[in-house]
PDB file of all heavy atoms in Angstrom:
ATOM      1  N   VAL A   1      -2.578  10.783  12.228  1.00  0.00           N
ATOM      2  CA  VAL A   1      -2.618  11.402  10.900  1.00  0.00           C
ATOM      3  C   VAL A   1      -2.445  10.340   9.816  1.00  0.00           C
ATOM      4  O   VAL A   1      -3.182  10.296   8.820  1.00  0.00           O
ATOM      5  CB  VAL A   1      -1.534  12.490  10.777  1.00  0.00           C
ATOM      6  CG1 VAL A   1      -1.455  13.009   9.344  1.00  0.00           C
ATOM      7  CG2 VAL A   1      -1.823  13.642  11.740  1.00  0.00           C
ATOM      8  N   GLY A   2      -1.451   9.489  10.012  1.00  0.00           N
ATOM      9  CA  GLY A   2      -1.188   8.455   9.013  1.00  0.00           C
ATOM     10  C   GLY A   2      -2.330   7.472   8.880  1.00  0.00           C
ATOM     11  O   GLY A   2      -2.722   7.110   7.763  1.00  0.00           O
ATOM     12  N   SER A   3      -2.904   7.017  10.000  1.00  0.00           N
ATOM     13  CA  SER A   3      -3.968   6.019   9.939  1.00  0.00           C
ATOM     14  C   SER A   3      -5.244   6.593   9.331  1.00  0.00           C
ATOM     15  O   SER A   3      -5.997   5.864   8.663  1.00  0.00           O
ATOM     16  CB  SER A   3      -4.252   5.458  11.335  1.00  0.00           C
ATOM     17  OG  SER A   3      -4.824   6.430  12.193  1.00  0.00           O
ATOM     18  N   ALA A   4      -5.497   7.887   9.537  1.00  0.00           N
ATOM     19  CA  ALA A   4      -6.674   8.510   8.913  1.00  0.00           C
ATOM     20  C   ALA A   4      -6.551   8.476   7.395  1.00  0.00           C
ATOM     21  O   ALA A   4      -7.517   8.165   6.685  1.00  0.00           O
ATOM     22  CB  ALA A   4      -6.833   9.941   9.410  1.00  0.00           C
ATOM     23  N   ALA A   5      -5.360   8.776   6.899  1.00  0.00           N
ATOM     24  CA  ALA A   5      -5.140   8.693   5.454  1.00  0.00           C
ATOM     25  C   ALA A   5      -5.185   7.246   4.980  1.00  0.00           C
ATOM     26  O   ALA A   5      -5.784   6.929   3.941  1.00  0.00           O
ATOM     27  CB  ALA A   5      -3.794   9.321   5.107  1.00  0.00           C
ATOM     28  N   GLY A   6      -4.574   6.355   5.751  1.00  0.00           N
ATOM     29  CA  GLY A   6      -4.560   4.948   5.380  1.00  0.00           C
ATOM     30  C   GLY A   6      -5.939   4.330   5.372  1.00  0.00           C
ATOM     31  O   GLY A   6      -6.222   3.422   4.571  1.00  0.00           O
ATOM     32  N   GLY A   7      -6.829   4.802   6.258  1.00  0.00           N
ATOM     33  CA  GLY A   7      -8.192   4.282   6.284  1.00  0.00           C
ATOM     34  C   GLY A   7      -8.924   4.513   4.977  1.00  0.00           C
ATOM     35  O   GLY A   7      -9.647   3.635   4.481  1.00  0.00           O
ATOM     36  N   GLN A   8      -8.715   5.684   4.391  1.00  0.00           N
ATOM     37  CA  GLN A   8      -9.341   5.966   3.098  1.00  0.00           C
ATOM     38  C   GLN A   8      -8.735   5.118   1.982  1.00  0.00           C
ATOM     39  O   GLN A   8      -9.442   4.615   1.114  1.00  0.00           O
ATOM     40  CB  GLN A   8      -9.185   7.458   2.764  1.00  0.00           C
ATOM     41  CG  GLN A   8     -10.038   8.374   3.625  1.00  0.00           C
ATOM     42  CD  GLN A   8     -11.521   8.103   3.449  1.00  0.00           C
ATOM     43  OE1 GLN A   8     -12.063   8.171   2.345  1.00  0.00           O
ATOM     44  NE2 GLN A   8     -12.186   7.764   4.544  1.00  0.00           N
ATOM     45  N   ILE A   9      -7.419   4.938   2.043  1.00  0.00           N
ATOM     46  CA  ILE A   9      -6.753   4.093   1.043  1.00  0.00           C
ATOM     47  C   ILE A   9      -7.259   2.654   1.161  1.00  0.00           C
ATOM     48  O   ILE A   9      -7.577   1.997   0.166  1.00  0.00           O
ATOM     49  CB  ILE A   9      -5.230   4.153   1.222  1.00  0.00           C
ATOM     50  CG1 ILE A   9      -4.713   5.568   0.952  1.00  0.00           C
ATOM     51  CG2 ILE A   9      -4.537   3.142   0.307  1.00  0.00           C
ATOM     52  CD1 ILE A   9      -3.250   5.760   1.321  1.00  0.00           C
ATOM     53  N   GLY A  10      -7.348   2.168   2.386  1.00  0.00           N
ATOM     54  CA  GLY A  10      -7.816   0.808   2.607  1.00  0.00           C
ATOM     55  C   GLY A  10      -9.245   0.598   2.149  1.00  0.00           C
ATOM     56  O   GLY A  10      -9.583  -0.461   1.595  1.00  0.00           O
ATOM     57  N   ALA A  11     -10.097   1.584   2.366  1.00  0.00           N
ATOM     58  CA  ALA A  11     -11.488   1.461   1.937  1.00  0.00           C
ATOM     59  C   ALA A  11     -11.592   1.380   0.417  1.00  0.00           C
ATOM     60  O   ALA A  11     -12.387   0.599  -0.126  1.00  0.00           O
ATOM     61  CB  ALA A  11     -12.305   2.652   2.456  1.00  0.00           C
ATOM     62  N   ARG A  12     -10.785   2.164  -0.273  1.00  0.00           N
ATOM     63  CA  ARG A  12     -10.805   2.126  -1.743  1.00  0.00           C
ATOM     64  C   ARG A  12     -10.367   0.761  -2.270  1.00  0.00           C
ATOM     65  O   ARG A  12     -10.908   0.247  -3.241  1.00  0.00           O
ATOM     66  CB  ARG A  12      -9.897   3.223  -2.315  1.00  0.00           C
ATOM     67  CG  ARG A  12     -10.427   4.632  -2.116  1.00  0.00           C
ATOM     68  CD  ARG A  12      -9.433   5.662  -2.631  1.00  0.00           C
ATOM     69  NE  ARG A  12      -9.940   7.014  -2.475  1.00  0.00           N
ATOM     70  CZ  ARG A  12     -10.637   7.664  -3.391  1.00  0.00           C
ATOM     71  NH1 ARG A  12     -10.892   7.062  -4.551  1.00  0.00           N
ATOM     72  NH2 ARG A  12     -11.066   8.880  -3.188  1.00  0.00           N
ATOM     73  N   ILE A  13      -9.359   0.181  -1.596  1.00  0.00           N
ATOM     74  CA  ILE A  13      -8.858  -1.120  -2.032  1.00  0.00           C
ATOM     75  C   ILE A  13      -9.807  -2.241  -1.610  1.00  0.00           C
ATOM     76  O   ILE A  13     -10.196  -3.094  -2.403  1.00  0.00           O
ATOM     77  CB  ILE A  13      -7.450  -1.371  -1.451  1.00  0.00           C
ATOM     78  CG1 ILE A  13      -6.459  -0.351  -2.004  1.00  0.00           C
ATOM     79  CG2 ILE A  13      -6.985  -2.802  -1.758  1.00  0.00           C
ATOM     80  CD1 ILE A  13      -5.096  -0.406  -1.345  1.00  0.00           C
ATOM     81  N   GLY A  14     -10.193  -2.244  -0.340  1.00  0.00           N
ATOM     82  CA  GLY A  14     -10.972  -3.334   0.209  1.00  0.00           C
ATOM     83  C   GLY A  14     -12.331  -3.497  -0.420  1.00  0.00           C
ATOM     84  O   GLY A  14     -12.814  -4.627  -0.605  1.00  0.00           O
ATOM     85  N   ARG A  15     -12.983  -2.409  -0.785  1.00  0.00           N
ATOM     86  CA  ARG A  15     -14.324  -2.492  -1.346  1.00  0.00           C
ATOM     87  C   ARG A  15     -14.322  -3.083  -2.748  1.00  0.00           C
ATOM     88  O   ARG A  15     -15.371  -3.458  -3.269  1.00  0.00           O
ATOM     89  CB  ARG A  15     -14.986  -1.106  -1.354  1.00  0.00           C
ATOM     90  CG  ARG A  15     -15.247  -0.555   0.038  1.00  0.00           C
ATOM     91  CD  ARG A  15     -15.796   0.852   0.025  1.00  0.00           C
ATOM     92  NE  ARG A  15     -17.184   0.851  -0.422  1.00  0.00           N
ATOM     93  CZ  ARG A  15     -17.625   1.499  -1.492  1.00  0.00           C
ATOM     94  NH1 ARG A  15     -16.762   2.153  -2.256  1.00  0.00           N
ATOM     95  NH2 ARG A  15     -18.896   1.480  -1.807  1.00  0.00           N
ATOM     96  N   ARG A  16     -13.159  -3.196  -3.367  1.00  0.00           N
ATOM     97  CA  ARG A  16     -13.059  -3.761  -4.712  1.00  0.00           C
ATOM     98  C   ARG A  16     -12.667  -5.240  -4.687  1.00  0.00           C
ATOM     99  O   ARG A  16     -12.580  -5.870  -5.735  1.00  0.00           O
ATOM    100  CB  ARG A  16     -12.044  -2.966  -5.538  1.00  0.00           C
ATOM    101  CG  ARG A  16     -12.536  -1.567  -5.911  1.00  0.00           C
ATOM    102  CD  ARG A  16     -11.430  -0.746  -6.560  1.00  0.00           C
ATOM    103  NE  ARG A  16     -11.934   0.474  -7.161  1.00  0.00           N
ATOM    104  CZ  ARG A  16     -12.226   1.578  -6.486  1.00  0.00           C
ATOM    105  NH1 ARG A  16     -12.072   1.600  -5.165  1.00  0.00           N
ATOM    106  NH2 ARG A  16     -12.685   2.656  -7.108  1.00  0.00           N
ATOM    107  N   LEU A  17     -12.418  -5.795  -3.501  1.00  0.00           N
ATOM    108  CA  LEU A  17     -12.003  -7.184  -3.410  1.00  0.00           C
ATOM    109  C   LEU A  17     -13.213  -8.119  -3.391  1.00  0.00           C
ATOM    110  O   LEU A  17     -14.209  -7.831  -2.731  1.00  0.00           O
ATOM    111  CB  LEU A  17     -11.182  -7.414  -2.139  1.00  0.00           C
ATOM    112  CG  LEU A  17      -9.835  -6.692  -2.046  1.00  0.00           C
ATOM    113  CD1 LEU A  17      -9.201  -6.975  -0.691  1.00  0.00           C
ATOM    114  CD2 LEU A  17      -8.913  -7.125  -3.167  1.00  0.00           C
ATOM    115  N   SER A  18     -13.118  -9.229  -4.089  1.00  0.00           N
ATOM    116  CA  SER A  18     -14.160 -10.246  -4.016  1.00  0.00           C
ATOM    117  C   SER A  18     -14.093 -10.927  -2.658  1.00  0.00           C
ATOM    118  O   SER A  18     -13.061 -10.866  -1.974  1.00  0.00           O
ATOM    119  CB  SER A  18     -13.947 -11.285  -5.121  1.00  0.00           C
ATOM    120  OG  SER A  18     -12.756 -12.022  -4.868  1.00  0.00           O
ATOM    121  N   PRO A  19     -15.186 -11.601  -2.217  1.00  0.00           N
ATOM    122  CA  PRO A  19     -15.133 -12.320  -0.930  1.00  0.00           C
ATOM    123  C   PRO A  19     -13.979 -13.306  -0.849  1.00  0.00           C
ATOM    124  O   PRO A  19     -13.310 -13.409   0.178  1.00  0.00           O
ATOM    125  CB  PRO A  19     -16.486 -13.030  -0.881  1.00  0.00           C
ATOM    126  CG  PRO A  19     -17.389 -12.168  -1.699  1.00  0.00           C
ATOM    127  CD  PRO A  19     -16.526 -11.630  -2.808  1.00  0.00           C
ATOM    128  N   ALA A  20     -13.712 -14.038  -1.947  1.00  0.00           N
ATOM    129  CA  ALA A  20     -12.613 -15.003  -1.939  1.00  0.00           C
ATOM    130  C   ALA A  20     -11.271 -14.301  -1.785  1.00  0.00           C
ATOM    131  O   ALA A  20     -10.394 -14.754  -1.034  1.00  0.00           O
ATOM    132  CB  ALA A  20     -12.635 -15.824  -3.220  1.00  0.00           C
ATOM    133  N   MET A  21     -11.097 -13.187  -2.491  1.00  0.00           N
ATOM    134  CA  MET A  21      -9.843 -12.437  -2.391  1.00  0.00           C
ATOM    135  C   MET A  21      -9.680 -11.836  -0.998  1.00  0.00           C
ATOM    136  O   MET A  21      -8.575 -11.825  -0.431  1.00  0.00           O
ATOM    137  CB  MET A  21      -9.801 -11.330  -3.444  1.00  0.00           C
ATOM    138  CG  MET A  21      -8.514 -10.514  -3.432  1.00  0.00           C
ATOM    139  SD  MET A  21      -7.048 -11.509  -3.804  1.00  0.00           S
ATOM    140  CE  MET A  21      -7.345 -11.862  -5.549  1.00  0.00           C
ATOM    141  N   LEU A  22     -10.788 -11.353  -0.421  1.00  0.00           N
ATOM    142  CA  LEU A  22     -10.734 -10.786   0.912  1.00  0.00           C
ATOM    143  C   LEU A  22     -10.303 -11.843   1.929  1.00  0.00           C
ATOM    144  O   LEU A  22      -9.475 -11.587   2.802  1.00  0.00           O
ATOM    145  CB  LEU A  22     -12.093 -10.202   1.294  1.00  0.00           C
ATOM    146  CG  LEU A  22     -12.160  -9.470   2.639  1.00  0.00           C
ATOM    147  CD1 LEU A  22     -11.145  -8.344   2.697  1.00  0.00           C
ATOM    148  CD2 LEU A  22     -13.565  -8.929   2.866  1.00  0.00           C
ATOM    149  N   ARG A  23     -10.847 -13.048   1.787  1.00  0.00           N
ATOM    150  CA  ARG A  23     -10.427 -14.130   2.686  1.00  0.00           C
ATOM    151  C   ARG A  23      -8.948 -14.454   2.493  1.00  0.00           C
ATOM    152  O   ARG A  23      -8.236 -14.741   3.462  1.00  0.00           O
ATOM    153  CB  ARG A  23     -11.281 -15.376   2.444  1.00  0.00           C
ATOM    154  CG  ARG A  23     -12.689 -15.270   2.972  1.00  0.00           C
ATOM    155  CD  ARG A  23     -13.427 -16.601   2.910  1.00  0.00           C
ATOM    156  NE  ARG A  23     -14.781 -16.432   3.386  1.00  0.00           N
ATOM    157  CZ  ARG A  23     -15.813 -16.103   2.609  1.00  0.00           C
ATOM    158  NH1 ARG A  23     -15.621 -15.937   1.315  1.00  0.00           N
ATOM    159  NH2 ARG A  23     -17.011 -15.948   3.114  1.00  0.00           N
ATOM    160  N   ALA A  24      -8.475 -14.423   1.261  1.00  0.00           N
ATOM    161  CA  ALA A  24      -7.066 -14.695   0.997  1.00  0.00           C
ATOM    162  C   ALA A  24      -6.177 -13.649   1.664  1.00  0.00           C
ATOM    163  O   ALA A  24      -5.140 -13.979   2.256  1.00  0.00           O
ATOM    164  CB  ALA A  24      -6.811 -14.724  -0.507  1.00  0.00           C
ATOM    165  N   VAL A  25      -6.581 -12.390   1.581  1.00  0.00           N
ATOM    166  CA  VAL A  25      -5.817 -11.323   2.237  1.00  0.00           C
ATOM    167  C   VAL A  25      -5.805 -11.543   3.745  1.00  0.00           C
ATOM    168  O   VAL A  25      -4.772 -11.377   4.414  1.00  0.00           O
ATOM    169  CB  VAL A  25      -6.412  -9.943   1.887  1.00  0.00           C
ATOM    170  CG1 VAL A  25      -5.736  -8.854   2.706  1.00  0.00           C
ATOM    171  CG2 VAL A  25      -6.248  -9.651   0.403  1.00  0.00           C
ATOM    172  N   ILE A  26      -6.954 -11.919   4.300  1.00  0.00           N
ATOM    173  CA  ILE A  26      -7.039 -12.177   5.738  1.00  0.00           C
ATOM    174  C   ILE A  26      -6.053 -13.260   6.155  1.00  0.00           C
ATOM    175  O   ILE A  26      -5.341 -13.134   7.156  1.00  0.00           O
ATOM    176  CB  ILE A  26      -8.479 -12.585   6.120  1.00  0.00           C
ATOM    177  CG1 ILE A  26      -9.433 -11.402   5.951  1.00  0.00           C
ATOM    178  CG2 ILE A  26      -8.534 -13.088   7.567  1.00  0.00           C
ATOM    179  CD1 ILE A  26     -10.893 -11.777   6.078  1.00  0.00           C
ATOM    180  N   VAL A  27      -6.008 -14.338   5.376  1.00  0.00           N
ATOM    181  CA  VAL A  27      -5.117 -15.450   5.708  1.00  0.00           C
ATOM    182  C   VAL A  27      -3.654 -15.019   5.647  1.00  0.00           C
ATOM    183  O   VAL A  27      -2.856 -15.329   6.544  1.00  0.00           O
ATOM    184  CB  VAL A  27      -5.371 -16.642   4.766  1.00  0.00           C
ATOM    185  CG1 VAL A  27      -4.291 -17.704   4.946  1.00  0.00           C
ATOM    186  CG2 VAL A  27      -6.744 -17.241   5.024  1.00  0.00           C
ATOM    187  N   VAL A  28      -3.283 -14.282   4.609  1.00  0.00           N
ATOM    188  CA  VAL A  28      -1.894 -13.837   4.468  1.00  0.00           C
ATOM    189  C   VAL A  28      -1.489 -12.932   5.629  1.00  0.00           C
ATOM    190  O   VAL A  28      -0.428 -13.116   6.250  1.00  0.00           O
ATOM    191  CB  VAL A  28      -1.692 -13.110   3.117  1.00  0.00           C
ATOM    192  CG1 VAL A  28      -0.321 -12.437   3.083  1.00  0.00           C
ATOM    193  CG2 VAL A  28      -1.842 -14.086   1.969  1.00  0.00           C
ATOM    194  N   VAL A  29      -2.342 -11.957   5.939  1.00  0.00           N
ATOM    195  CA  VAL A  29      -2.026 -11.040   7.050  1.00  0.00           C
ATOM    196  C   VAL A  29      -2.001 -11.790   8.366  1.00  0.00           C
ATOM    197  O   VAL A  29      -1.140 -11.546   9.212  1.00  0.00           O
ATOM    198  CB  VAL A  29      -3.058  -9.886   7.074  1.00  0.00           C
ATOM    199  CG1 VAL A  29      -2.840  -9.023   8.327  1.00  0.00           C
ATOM    200  CG2 VAL A  29      -2.939  -9.029   5.836  1.00  0.00           C
ATOM    201  N   GLY A  30      -2.930 -12.705   8.554  1.00  0.00           N
ATOM    202  CA  GLY A  30      -2.971 -13.469   9.783  1.00  0.00           C
ATOM    203  C   GLY A  30      -1.734 -14.320   9.993  1.00  0.00           C
ATOM    204  O   GLY A  30      -1.180 -14.392  11.094  1.00  0.00           O
TER     205      GLY A  30
END
């Protein structure tokens, strides 16, 4: 239930990130 809701939240956030910002997020999480 939680991940289904989180998937929509993540899509709203992720689709607004630039490629450089997306790579930065990847590095931080990694």
